[in-house]
Amino acid sequence: MRYRRRLEIIVDVLNVASRRAKKTRIMYLANLSYELLEKYLREVAELGFVNSIDDHYEVTEKGQNFLEKYNSFSSDYNKIYGEYRKMLSERESLEKLCKVTRNAGMRSGSRRRRRSA
């Protein structure tokens, strides 16, 4: 299991709240404990990303702008990270081609002469 970073949790909360949701729904769909839910709802409210109307939460225009920027960043990051992993794989392949094994070194080097008796 991979732990989520703060930014990813905020995005998860906003994604659920973008469909106008109650606390319980946000807690379950964002996969948060009640304590973490309270912490992150308070934080995104202070940032101006969500409004609480009655017992529902909805994303503000500022929150929607944040989500759009995050999605753009995430897309670019995933492309770059994919290219980086591809380059690492290519480097490993090149390094394997440069490894000398004992037997290969013996074959390509000078041959031993037989001693005559």
Protein backbone atom coordinates (compact mmCIF):
# COMPACT_ATOMS: atom_id res chain seq x y z
CA MET A 1 0.00 0.00 0.00
CA ARG A 2 1.32 3.43 -0.94
CA TYR A 3 0.77 6.33 1.40
CA ARG A 4 -0.74 9.47 -0.06
CA ARG A 5 0.86 12.83 0.32
CA ARG A 6 -0.94 15.88 1.65
CA LEU A 7 -1.56 17.23 -1.84
CA GLU A 8 -3.12 13.97 -3.00
CA ILE A 9 -5.46 13.87 0.00
CA ILE A 10 -6.58 17.45 -0.64
CA VAL A 11 -7.29 16.55 -4.28
CA ASP A 12 -9.26 13.49 -3.21
CA VAL A 13 -11.37 15.58 -0.80
CA LEU A 14 -12.01 18.22 -3.48
CA ASN A 15 -12.91 15.63 -6.10
CA VAL A 16 -15.59 14.19 -3.85
CA ALA A 17 -16.83 17.62 -2.76
CA SER A 18 -17.04 18.72 -6.39
CA ARG A 19 -20.20 16.62 -6.57
CA ARG A 20 -21.67 18.30 -3.46
CA ALA A 21 -21.25 15.81 -0.66
CA LYS A 22 -21.80 15.32 3.05
CA LYS A 23 -18.94 14.61 5.46
CA THR A 24 -19.64 10.89 5.56
CA ARG A 25 -19.48 10.57 1.79
CA ILE A 26 -16.23 12.54 1.64
CA MET A 27 -14.77 10.41 4.42
CA TYR A 28 -15.56 7.14 2.65
CA LEU A 29 -14.76 8.12 -0.92
CA ALA A 30 -11.55 9.94 0.04
CA ASN A 31 -10.64 6.98 2.29
CA LEU A 32 -10.00 9.04 5.43
CA SER A 33 -10.46 8.48 9.13
CA TYR A 34 -12.84 10.88 10.87
CA GLU A 35 -9.90 12.74 12.45
CA LEU A 36 -8.16 13.22 9.10
CA LEU A 37 -11.43 14.20 7.47
CA GLU A 38 -11.93 16.96 10.04
CA LYS A 39 -8.35 18.16 9.59
CA TYR A 40 -8.51 18.31 5.79
CA LEU A 41 -12.00 19.78 5.60
CA ARG A 42 -10.89 22.55 7.95
CA GLU A 43 -7.78 23.12 5.86
CA VAL A 44 -9.52 23.27 2.47
CA ALA A 45 -12.19 25.54 3.94
CA GLU A 46 -9.51 27.91 5.29
CA LEU A 47 -7.88 27.92 1.85
CA GLY A 48 -11.19 28.89 0.32
CA PHE A 49 -11.43 25.70 -1.75
CA VAL A 50 -14.78 24.54 -0.30
CA ASN A 51 -17.91 26.04 1.20
CA SER A 52 -20.15 24.36 3.71
CA ILE A 53 -23.83 24.83 2.92
CA ASP A 54 -26.19 23.24 5.44
CA ASP A 55 -24.61 19.83 5.96
CA HIS A 56 -23.06 19.60 2.47
CA TYR A 57 -19.68 20.66 1.11
CA GLU A 58 -19.11 22.00 -2.36
CA VAL A 59 -16.04 23.18 -4.21
CA THR A 60 -15.64 26.91 -4.79
CA GLU A 61 -14.35 28.49 -8.00
CA LYS A 62 -10.95 28.79 -6.34
CA GLY A 63 -11.05 25.08 -5.49
CA GLN A 64 -12.06 24.20 -9.03
CA ASN A 65 -9.16 26.25 -10.41
CA PHE A 66 -6.82 24.41 -8.05
CA LEU A 67 -8.14 21.03 -9.28
CA GLU A 68 -7.63 22.04 -12.91
CA LYS A 69 -4.05 23.14 -12.21
CA TYR A 70 -3.38 19.95 -10.26
CA ASN A 71 -4.76 17.76 -13.05
CA SER A 72 -2.56 19.55 -15.60
CA PHE A 73 0.47 19.17 -13.34
CA SER A 74 -0.32 15.51 -12.67
CA SER A 75 -0.61 14.75 -16.38
CA ASP A 76 2.71 16.44 -17.15
CA TYR A 77 4.40 14.77 -14.18
CA ASN A 78 3.21 11.31 -15.23
CA LYS A 79 4.50 11.83 -18.78
CA ILE A 80 7.90 13.01 -17.56
CA TYR A 81 8.15 10.27 -14.94
CA GLY A 82 7.28 7.67 -17.58
CA GLU A 83 10.04 8.99 -19.83
CA TYR A 84 12.46 8.98 -16.90
CA ARG A 85 11.70 5.32 -16.13
CA LYS A 86 12.12 4.46 -19.82
CA MET A 87 15.53 6.14 -19.83
CA LEU A 88 16.58 4.25 -16.70
CA SER A 89 15.61 0.99 -18.37
CA GLU A 90 17.61 1.90 -21.48
CA ARG A 91 20.61 2.75 -19.31
CA GLU A 92 20.39 -0.62 -17.55
CA SER A 93 20.29 -2.36 -20.93
CA LEU A 94 23.39 -0.47 -22.06
CA GLU A 95 25.20 -1.30 -18.82
CA LYS A 96 24.38 -4.99 -19.28
CA LEU A 97 25.90 -4.86 -22.76
CA CYS A 98 29.11 -3.46 -21.28
CA LYS A 99 29.55 -6.16 -18.64
CA VAL A 100 32.34 -8.58 -19.30
CA THR A 101 31.92 -12.14 -18.21
CA ARG A 102 34.91 -14.35 -17.45
CA ASN A 103 34.28 -16.71 -20.34
CA ALA A 104 33.70 -13.93 -22.83
CA GLY A 105 37.00 -12.31 -21.89
CA MET A 106 38.88 -15.57 -22.43
CA ARG A 107 37.43 -16.11 -25.89
CA SER A 108 38.16 -12.67 -27.21
CA GLY A 109 41.66 -12.44 -25.74
CA SER A 110 44.80 -14.15 -26.95
CA ARG A 111 44.61 -17.90 -27.22
CA ARG A 112 46.81 -20.07 -25.11
CA ARG A 113 49.57 -21.92 -26.86
CA ARG A 114 49.97 -25.59 -26.32
CA ARG A 115 53.29 -26.62 -24.98
CA SER A 116 55.18 -29.02 -27.06
CA ALA A 117 56.85 -31.85 -25.20
